[in-house]
Amino acid sequence: MARRDRYSLAPIRGNYTYSVGEVAELYGIADATVFRWIRDEGLKRLPGSKKYYIHSGDLRRFLERLNKRNKKPSSDGEIYCCKCRVPRRPSNNTIQAEDLPNGTIRVKAKCGVCGTGQFKVVSSKNWSETHPLYPDRNDPTIEHSGGDGWPRNCQT
């Protein structure tokens, strides 16, 4: 089973008691993962029974804490790279921006380290020529002056 970074809180019923198997089935994970959460990561179980039961309120609090821990916010000039699993600066000549129908801006780029595609949605009120991901600002292309015939032989 694949590693998950976010767990939805929507399927958790209010004031309900789950067994380990029910929690595992609810999120499509192995029973061993839920036992590890109880043993090592602080998920509380109801005391006093041989079978492990988890109250819905404890499960909700645990998953909120887990979701916060897995969140990796990026700074202004960075976009989260899914392959590197950390926020990275994109390569300069790969940044593109497109307007979306809801008034936001979708920024597409390639990771500066691994070359994987990166995507970020930016609010239109924060988008201007001074934004760190604005495409024209990050385009360092210098036109060749034509001297010496070959661009790699000259410094322009």
N, C-alpha and C. Protein backbone atom coordinates (compact mmCIF):
# COMPACT_ATOMS: atom_id res chain seq x y z
N MET A 1 0.83 -1.19 0.00
CA MET A 1 0.00 0.00 0.00
C MET A 1 0.87 1.25 0.00
N ALA A 2 0.41 2.26 -0.68
CA ALA A 2 1.18 3.49 -0.81
C ALA A 2 1.10 4.33 0.46
N ARG A 3 2.14 5.10 0.69
CA ARG A 3 2.20 6.01 1.82
C ARG A 3 1.28 7.19 1.54
N ARG A 4 0.51 7.60 2.53
CA ARG A 4 -0.39 8.72 2.36
C ARG A 4 0.10 9.90 3.19
N ASP A 5 -0.12 11.09 2.67
CA ASP A 5 0.28 12.28 3.39
C ASP A 5 -0.89 12.98 4.06
N ARG A 6 -2.09 12.76 3.56
CA ARG A 6 -3.27 13.42 4.12
C ARG A 6 -4.38 12.39 4.31
N TYR A 7 -5.09 12.50 5.41
CA TYR A 7 -6.22 11.62 5.71
C TYR A 7 -7.45 12.49 5.90
N SER A 8 -8.51 12.22 5.15
CA SER A 8 -9.74 12.99 5.23
C SER A 8 -10.44 12.72 6.55
N LEU A 9 -10.99 13.77 7.13
CA LEU A 9 -11.74 13.64 8.38
C LEU A 9 -13.23 13.44 8.12
N ALA A 10 -13.67 13.59 6.88
CA ALA A 10 -15.09 13.50 6.54
C ALA A 10 -15.72 12.14 6.86
N PRO A 11 -15.03 11.01 6.63
CA PRO A 11 -15.71 9.73 6.88
C PRO A 11 -15.87 9.36 8.36
N ILE A 12 -15.30 10.13 9.27
CA ILE A 12 -15.38 9.79 10.70
C ILE A 12 -16.75 10.18 11.24
N ARG A 13 -17.45 9.19 11.80
CA ARG A 13 -18.76 9.46 12.40
C ARG A 13 -18.59 10.05 13.79
N GLY A 14 -19.49 10.90 14.17
CA GLY A 14 -19.44 11.51 15.50
C GLY A 14 -19.89 10.54 16.59
N ASN A 15 -19.22 10.56 17.72
CA ASN A 15 -19.55 9.76 18.89
C ASN A 15 -19.73 8.27 18.54
N TYR A 16 -18.70 7.71 17.90
CA TYR A 16 -18.74 6.32 17.46
C TYR A 16 -17.44 5.66 17.90
N THR A 17 -17.49 4.35 18.13
CA THR A 17 -16.31 3.60 18.52
C THR A 17 -15.92 2.67 17.38
N TYR A 18 -14.68 2.81 16.93
CA TYR A 18 -14.16 2.01 15.82
C TYR A 18 -13.23 0.91 16.34
N SER A 19 -13.23 -0.23 15.64
CA SER A 19 -12.21 -1.24 15.90
C SER A 19 -11.01 -0.93 15.00
N VAL A 20 -9.90 -1.58 15.23
CA VAL A 20 -8.70 -1.36 14.42
C VAL A 20 -9.00 -1.70 12.96
N GLY A 21 -9.70 -2.79 12.73
CA GLY A 21 -10.04 -3.19 11.36
C GLY A 21 -10.93 -2.19 10.65
N GLU A 22 -11.85 -1.58 11.39
CA GLU A 22 -12.74 -0.58 10.79
C GLU A 22 -11.97 0.68 10.39
N VAL A 23 -11.03 1.10 11.23
CA VAL A 23 -10.21 2.27 10.89
C VAL A 23 -9.37 1.97 9.66
N ALA A 24 -8.77 0.77 9.62
CA ALA A 24 -7.95 0.37 8.48
C ALA A 24 -8.78 0.33 7.20
N GLU A 25 -9.99 -0.20 7.28
CA GLU A 25 -10.86 -0.27 6.11
C GLU A 25 -11.33 1.11 5.68
N LEU A 26 -11.59 1.98 6.64
CA LEU A 26 -12.05 3.33 6.37
C LEU A 26 -11.04 4.11 5.52
N TYR A 27 -9.75 3.90 5.78
CA TYR A 27 -8.70 4.65 5.08
C TYR A 27 -7.90 3.81 4.09
N GLY A 28 -8.25 2.55 3.91
CA GLY A 28 -7.55 1.71 2.93
C GLY A 28 -6.11 1.45 3.31
N ILE A 29 -5.85 1.26 4.60
CA ILE A 29 -4.51 0.99 5.08
C ILE A 29 -4.50 -0.36 5.79
N ALA A 30 -3.32 -0.84 6.12
CA ALA A 30 -3.19 -2.13 6.80
C ALA A 30 -3.50 -1.99 8.29
N ASP A 31 -3.98 -3.09 8.89
CA ASP A 31 -4.22 -3.11 10.33
C ASP A 31 -2.94 -2.78 11.10
N ALA A 32 -1.81 -3.25 10.56
CA ALA A 32 -0.52 -3.01 11.22
C ALA A 32 -0.21 -1.52 11.34
N THR A 33 -0.66 -0.74 10.37
CA THR A 33 -0.45 0.71 10.42
C THR A 33 -1.22 1.32 11.58
N VAL A 34 -2.45 0.89 11.79
CA VAL A 34 -3.26 1.42 12.90
C VAL A 34 -2.65 0.99 14.23
N PHE A 35 -2.19 -0.27 14.32
CA PHE A 35 -1.51 -0.71 15.55
C PHE A 35 -0.25 0.11 15.81
N ARG A 36 0.49 0.46 14.75
CA ARG A 36 1.70 1.29 14.91
C ARG A 36 1.31 2.68 15.39
N TRP A 37 0.20 3.22 14.88
CA TRP A 37 -0.27 4.52 15.35
C TRP A 37 -0.57 4.47 16.84
N ILE A 38 -1.16 3.38 17.29
CA ILE A 38 -1.50 3.24 18.71
C ILE A 38 -0.23 3.05 19.54
N ARG A 39 0.65 2.18 19.08
CA ARG A 39 1.85 1.83 19.84
C ARG A 39 2.87 2.96 19.86
N ASP A 40 3.15 3.59 18.71
CA ASP A 40 4.28 4.52 18.60
C ASP A 40 3.91 5.98 18.43
N GLU A 41 2.76 6.27 17.85
CA GLU A 41 2.49 7.64 17.44
C GLU A 41 1.42 8.36 18.25
N GLY A 42 0.86 7.72 19.25
CA GLY A 42 -0.01 8.43 20.18
C GLY A 42 -1.49 8.36 19.91
N LEU A 43 -1.97 7.47 19.04
CA LEU A 43 -3.41 7.30 18.88
C LEU A 43 -3.94 6.59 20.12
N LYS A 44 -4.93 7.19 20.77
CA LYS A 44 -5.44 6.63 22.03
C LYS A 44 -6.48 5.56 21.74
N ARG A 45 -6.43 4.49 22.52
CA ARG A 45 -7.44 3.44 22.42
C ARG A 45 -8.24 3.44 23.71
N LEU A 46 -9.43 2.89 23.64
CA LEU A 46 -10.26 2.82 24.84
C LEU A 46 -9.68 1.76 25.78
N PRO A 47 -9.40 2.12 27.02
CA PRO A 47 -8.81 1.16 27.95
C PRO A 47 -9.85 0.18 28.49
N GLY A 48 -9.36 -0.96 28.98
CA GLY A 48 -10.23 -1.89 29.68
C GLY A 48 -10.81 -3.01 28.85
N SER A 49 -10.36 -3.20 27.61
CA SER A 49 -10.87 -4.33 26.83
C SER A 49 -9.70 -4.99 26.11
N LYS A 50 -9.86 -6.28 25.82
CA LYS A 50 -8.81 -6.98 25.10
C LYS A 50 -8.73 -6.51 23.66
N LYS A 51 -9.89 -6.28 23.03
CA LYS A 51 -9.91 -5.81 21.66
C LYS A 51 -9.63 -4.30 21.65
N TYR A 52 -8.90 -3.84 20.67
CA TYR A 52 -8.55 -2.43 20.58
C TYR A 52 -9.70 -1.66 19.94
N TYR A 53 -10.25 -0.72 20.68
CA TYR A 53 -11.28 0.18 20.17
C TYR A 53 -10.78 1.60 20.25
N ILE A 54 -11.20 2.41 19.26
CA ILE A 54 -10.76 3.80 19.17
C ILE A 54 -12.00 4.68 19.07
N HIS A 55 -12.09 5.69 19.91
CA HIS A 55 -13.22 6.61 19.87
C HIS A 55 -13.03 7.57 18.70
N SER A 56 -14.14 7.96 18.08
CA SER A 56 -14.08 8.83 16.90
C SER A 56 -13.43 10.18 17.20
N GLY A 57 -13.65 10.72 18.39
CA GLY A 57 -13.02 12.00 18.76
C GLY A 57 -11.51 11.89 18.85
N ASP A 58 -11.02 10.78 19.42
CA ASP A 58 -9.57 10.56 19.50
C ASP A 58 -8.98 10.36 18.11
N LEU A 59 -9.69 9.62 17.25
CA LEU A 59 -9.22 9.40 15.88
C LEU A 59 -9.15 10.71 15.12
N ARG A 60 -10.17 11.55 15.27
CA ARG A 60 -10.19 12.85 14.59
C ARG A 60 -9.01 13.72 15.03
N ARG A 61 -8.79 13.83 16.35
CA ARG A 61 -7.67 14.64 16.86
C ARG A 61 -6.33 14.10 16.38
N PHE A 62 -6.18 12.79 16.38
CA PHE A 62 -4.92 12.18 15.93
C PHE A 62 -4.67 12.49 14.45
N LEU A 63 -5.69 12.32 13.60
CA LEU A 63 -5.51 12.55 12.17
C LEU A 63 -5.29 14.03 11.86
N GLU A 64 -5.91 14.93 12.62
CA GLU A 64 -5.63 16.36 12.44
C GLU A 64 -4.17 16.66 12.72
N ARG A 65 -3.64 16.09 13.81
CA ARG A 65 -2.24 16.28 14.16
C ARG A 65 -1.32 15.66 13.10
N LEU A 66 -1.68 14.48 12.60
CA LEU A 66 -0.88 13.81 11.57
C LEU A 66 -0.89 14.61 10.27
N ASN A 67 -2.04 15.13 9.89
CA ASN A 67 -2.13 15.94 8.67
C ASN A 67 -1.30 17.21 8.79
N LYS A 68 -1.29 17.85 9.96
CA LYS A 68 -0.47 19.06 10.15
C LYS A 68 1.00 18.73 10.06
N ARG A 69 1.40 17.61 10.65
CA ARG A 69 2.81 17.21 10.64
C ARG A 69 3.30 16.93 9.23
N ASN A 70 2.44 16.36 8.39
CA ASN A 70 2.84 16.01 7.03
C ASN A 70 2.81 17.19 6.06
N LYS A 71 2.21 18.29 6.47
CA LYS A 71 2.11 19.44 5.60
C LYS A 71 3.45 20.17 5.56
N LYS A 72 3.92 20.49 4.35
CA LYS A 72 5.19 21.18 4.18
C LYS A 72 4.95 22.45 3.39
N PRO A 73 4.70 23.58 4.06
CA PRO A 73 4.42 24.81 3.33
C PRO A 73 5.65 25.31 2.59
N SER A 74 5.43 25.94 1.45
CA SER A 74 6.54 26.45 0.67
C SER A 74 6.60 27.97 0.80
N SER A 75 7.78 28.52 0.61
CA SER A 75 7.94 29.97 0.67
C SER A 75 7.47 30.57 -0.66
N ASP A 76 7.57 31.88 -0.80
CA ASP A 76 7.05 32.55 -1.98
C ASP A 76 7.67 32.08 -3.29
N GLY A 77 8.96 31.87 -3.33
CA GLY A 77 9.63 31.51 -4.58
C GLY A 77 9.74 30.02 -4.81
N GLU A 78 9.04 29.21 -4.02
CA GLU A 78 9.17 27.76 -4.12
C GLU A 78 7.83 27.12 -4.46
N ILE A 79 7.92 25.93 -5.06
CA ILE A 79 6.75 25.10 -5.36
C ILE A 79 7.07 23.71 -4.84
N TYR A 80 6.07 23.05 -4.24
CA TYR A 80 6.29 21.72 -3.69
C TYR A 80 6.55 20.72 -4.81
N CYS A 81 7.63 19.95 -4.69
CA CYS A 81 7.97 18.92 -5.66
C CYS A 81 7.53 17.57 -5.11
N CYS A 82 6.67 16.88 -5.84
CA CYS A 82 6.14 15.59 -5.36
C CYS A 82 7.20 14.50 -5.39
N LYS A 83 8.17 14.60 -6.26
CA LYS A 83 9.22 13.57 -6.34
C LYS A 83 10.25 13.78 -5.23
N CYS A 84 10.70 15.00 -5.04
CA CYS A 84 11.68 15.29 -3.98
C CYS A 84 11.04 15.30 -2.60
N ARG A 85 9.72 15.53 -2.55
CA ARG A 85 8.92 15.59 -1.32
C ARG A 85 9.27 16.79 -0.42
N VAL A 86 9.78 17.84 -1.01
CA VAL A 86 10.06 19.08 -0.29
C VAL A 86 9.81 20.26 -1.24
N PRO A 87 9.58 21.46 -0.71
CA PRO A 87 9.46 22.64 -1.57
C PRO A 87 10.80 22.96 -2.23
N ARG A 88 10.78 23.23 -3.52
CA ARG A 88 12.01 23.53 -4.28
C ARG A 88 11.78 24.73 -5.18
N ARG A 89 12.88 25.39 -5.52
CA ARG A 89 12.84 26.46 -6.50
C ARG A 89 12.75 25.84 -7.89
N PRO A 90 11.86 26.36 -8.74
CA PRO A 90 11.76 25.82 -10.10
C PRO A 90 12.89 26.32 -10.99
N SER A 91 13.15 25.59 -12.08
CA SER A 91 14.12 26.06 -13.08
C SER A 91 13.58 27.35 -13.70
N ASN A 92 14.47 28.29 -13.98
CA ASN A 92 14.04 29.61 -14.42
C ASN A 92 13.27 29.62 -15.73
N ASN A 93 13.75 28.95 -16.76
CA ASN A 93 13.12 29.06 -18.07
C ASN A 93 11.88 28.19 -18.23
N THR A 94 11.44 27.51 -17.19
CA THR A 94 10.31 26.59 -17.32
C THR A 94 9.03 27.13 -16.72
N ILE A 95 9.03 28.30 -16.14
CA ILE A 95 7.85 28.83 -15.45
C ILE A 95 6.83 29.36 -16.45
N GLN A 96 5.58 28.87 -16.32
CA GLN A 96 4.47 29.34 -17.14
C GLN A 96 3.29 29.64 -16.22
N ALA A 97 2.48 30.61 -16.60
CA ALA A 97 1.31 30.95 -15.79
C ALA A 97 0.08 31.00 -16.69
N GLU A 98 -1.05 30.50 -16.17
CA GLU A 98 -2.30 30.59 -16.93
C GLU A 98 -3.43 30.97 -15.99
N ASP A 99 -4.35 31.78 -16.50
CA ASP A 99 -5.51 32.21 -15.73
C ASP A 99 -6.54 31.08 -15.70
N LEU A 100 -7.12 30.84 -14.54
CA LEU A 100 -8.17 29.85 -14.39
C LEU A 100 -9.52 30.55 -14.33
N PRO A 101 -10.61 29.86 -14.66
CA PRO A 101 -11.93 30.50 -14.66
C PRO A 101 -12.37 31.07 -13.31
N ASN A 102 -11.86 30.53 -12.21
CA ASN A 102 -12.28 31.03 -10.90
C ASN A 102 -11.48 32.24 -10.44
N GLY A 103 -10.63 32.79 -11.30
CA GLY A 103 -9.89 34.00 -10.96
C GLY A 103 -8.53 33.76 -10.35
N THR A 104 -8.11 32.53 -10.23
CA THR A 104 -6.79 32.23 -9.70
C THR A 104 -5.82 31.98 -10.85
N ILE A 105 -4.55 31.87 -10.51
CA ILE A 105 -3.49 31.67 -11.50
C ILE A 105 -2.84 30.31 -11.24
N ARG A 106 -2.72 29.48 -12.27
CA ARG A 106 -2.01 28.20 -12.15
C ARG A 106 -0.60 28.40 -12.68
N VAL A 107 0.39 28.14 -11.83
CA VAL A 107 1.79 28.27 -12.21
C VAL A 107 2.33 26.87 -12.47
N LYS A 108 2.91 26.67 -13.65
CA LYS A 108 3.53 25.40 -14.01
C LYS A 108 5.02 25.63 -14.15
N ALA A 109 5.81 24.65 -13.72
CA ALA A 109 7.27 24.77 -13.83
C ALA A 109 7.89 23.38 -13.72
N LYS A 110 9.20 23.33 -13.84
CA LYS A 110 9.96 22.09 -13.65
C LYS A 110 10.86 22.29 -12.44
N CYS A 111 10.99 21.24 -11.63
CA CYS A 111 11.84 21.29 -10.44
C CYS A 111 13.28 21.58 -10.85
N GLY A 112 13.94 22.45 -10.11
CA GLY A 112 15.32 22.80 -10.40
C GLY A 112 16.30 21.68 -10.08
N VAL A 113 15.88 20.68 -9.30
CA VAL A 113 16.77 19.58 -8.92
C VAL A 113 16.53 18.33 -9.76
N CYS A 114 15.27 17.88 -9.83
CA CYS A 114 14.99 16.60 -10.49
C CYS A 114 14.29 16.74 -11.84
N GLY A 115 13.77 17.91 -12.17
CA GLY A 115 13.12 18.12 -13.46
C GLY A 115 11.67 17.69 -13.53
N THR A 116 11.07 17.28 -12.42
CA THR A 116 9.68 16.87 -12.39
C THR A 116 8.77 18.09 -12.51
N GLY A 117 7.60 17.90 -13.12
CA GLY A 117 6.64 18.99 -13.24
C GLY A 117 6.13 19.44 -11.88
N GLN A 118 5.99 20.74 -11.71
CA GLN A 118 5.47 21.32 -10.47
C GLN A 118 4.28 22.20 -10.81
N PHE A 119 3.31 22.25 -9.90
CA PHE A 119 2.13 23.07 -10.11
C PHE A 119 1.79 23.78 -8.81
N LYS A 120 1.37 25.04 -8.93
CA LYS A 120 0.96 25.79 -7.76
C LYS A 120 -0.15 26.74 -8.19
N VAL A 121 -1.16 26.90 -7.35
CA VAL A 121 -2.24 27.84 -7.62
C VAL A 121 -2.03 29.06 -6.74
N VAL A 122 -2.03 30.23 -7.36
CA VAL A 122 -1.78 31.50 -6.67
C VAL A 122 -3.02 32.36 -6.79
N SER A 123 -3.39 33.01 -5.72
CA SER A 123 -4.52 33.92 -5.72
C SER A 123 -4.23 35.10 -6.65
N SER A 124 -5.25 35.54 -7.37
CA SER A 124 -5.04 36.65 -8.30
C SER A 124 -4.72 37.95 -7.58
N LYS A 125 -5.16 38.10 -6.32
CA LYS A 125 -4.84 39.34 -5.59
C LYS A 125 -3.37 39.39 -5.20
N ASN A 126 -2.68 38.24 -5.15
CA ASN A 126 -1.25 38.20 -4.84
C ASN A 126 -0.39 38.18 -6.09
N TRP A 127 -1.00 38.09 -7.26
CA TRP A 127 -0.26 37.91 -8.50
C TRP A 127 0.03 39.26 -9.15
N SER A 128 1.31 39.56 -9.35
CA SER A 128 1.71 40.78 -10.04
C SER A 128 3.11 40.57 -10.58
N GLU A 129 3.65 41.56 -11.22
CA GLU A 129 5.00 41.44 -11.79
C GLU A 129 6.07 41.32 -10.72
N THR A 130 5.74 41.65 -9.48
CA THR A 130 6.72 41.54 -8.39
C THR A 130 6.68 40.18 -7.70
N HIS A 131 5.71 39.33 -8.07
CA HIS A 131 5.62 37.99 -7.46
C HIS A 131 6.85 37.17 -7.85
N PRO A 132 7.44 36.41 -6.90
CA PRO A 132 8.66 35.65 -7.19
C PRO A 132 8.51 34.61 -8.30
N LEU A 133 7.30 34.16 -8.60
CA LEU A 133 7.11 33.15 -9.64
C LEU A 133 6.59 33.74 -10.95
N TYR A 134 6.54 35.06 -11.05
CA TYR A 134 6.06 35.69 -12.28
C TYR A 134 6.99 35.30 -13.42
N PRO A 135 6.47 34.79 -14.55
CA PRO A 135 7.32 34.24 -15.61
C PRO A 135 8.34 35.20 -16.19
N ASP A 136 7.97 36.43 -16.51
CA ASP A 136 8.92 37.36 -17.12
C ASP A 136 10.05 37.74 -16.17
N ARG A 137 9.77 37.75 -14.90
CA ARG A 137 10.77 38.09 -13.90
C ARG A 137 11.86 37.02 -13.80
N ASN A 138 11.51 35.77 -14.08
CA ASN A 138 12.43 34.66 -13.93
C ASN A 138 13.07 34.23 -15.24
N ASP A 139 12.93 35.00 -16.29
CA ASP A 139 13.48 34.63 -17.58
C ASP A 139 14.81 35.34 -17.80
N PRO A 140 15.93 34.68 -17.53
CA PRO A 140 17.22 35.35 -17.65
C PRO A 140 17.84 35.24 -19.04
N THR A 141 17.04 34.99 -20.07
CA THR A 141 17.62 34.82 -21.40
C THR A 141 18.25 36.12 -21.88
N ILE A 142 19.44 36.00 -22.39
CA ILE A 142 20.17 37.15 -22.93
C ILE A 142 20.30 36.92 -24.42
N GLU A 143 19.89 37.90 -25.19
CA GLU A 143 19.97 37.76 -26.64
C GLU A 143 21.43 37.75 -27.07
N HIS A 144 21.73 36.92 -28.05
CA HIS A 144 23.09 36.83 -28.57
C HIS A 144 23.35 38.02 -29.48
N SER A 145 24.52 38.62 -29.31
CA SER A 145 24.84 39.82 -30.08
C SER A 145 25.30 39.51 -31.49
N GLY A 146 25.61 38.26 -31.76
CA GLY A 146 26.04 37.88 -33.11
C GLY A 146 27.54 37.89 -33.28
N GLY A 147 28.30 38.36 -32.29
CA GLY A 147 29.76 38.38 -32.40
C GLY A 147 30.35 36.97 -32.31
N ASP A 148 31.42 36.70 -33.04
CA ASP A 148 32.15 35.43 -33.07
C ASP A 148 31.34 34.27 -33.62
N GLY A 149 30.17 34.48 -34.14
CA GLY A 149 29.42 33.42 -34.81
C GLY A 149 28.75 32.41 -33.90
N TRP A 150 29.45 31.86 -32.95
CA TRP A 150 28.89 30.82 -32.08
C TRP A 150 28.59 31.40 -30.70
N PRO A 151 27.38 31.17 -30.17
CA PRO A 151 27.03 31.72 -28.86
C PRO A 151 27.93 31.21 -27.73
N ARG A 152 28.42 30.00 -27.82
CA ARG A 152 29.22 29.49 -26.70
C ARG A 152 30.64 30.07 -26.68
N ASN A 153 31.06 30.74 -27.74
CA ASN A 153 32.40 31.32 -27.78
C ASN A 153 32.43 32.75 -27.26
N CYS A 154 31.27 33.35 -27.10
CA CYS A 154 31.28 34.73 -26.64
C CYS A 154 30.60 34.83 -25.27
N GLN A 155 30.66 35.97 -24.64
CA GLN A 155 30.15 36.17 -23.29
C GLN A 155 28.78 36.83 -23.25
N THR A 156 28.14 37.08 -24.40
CA THR A 156 26.83 37.74 -24.38
C THR A 156 25.71 36.77 -24.58
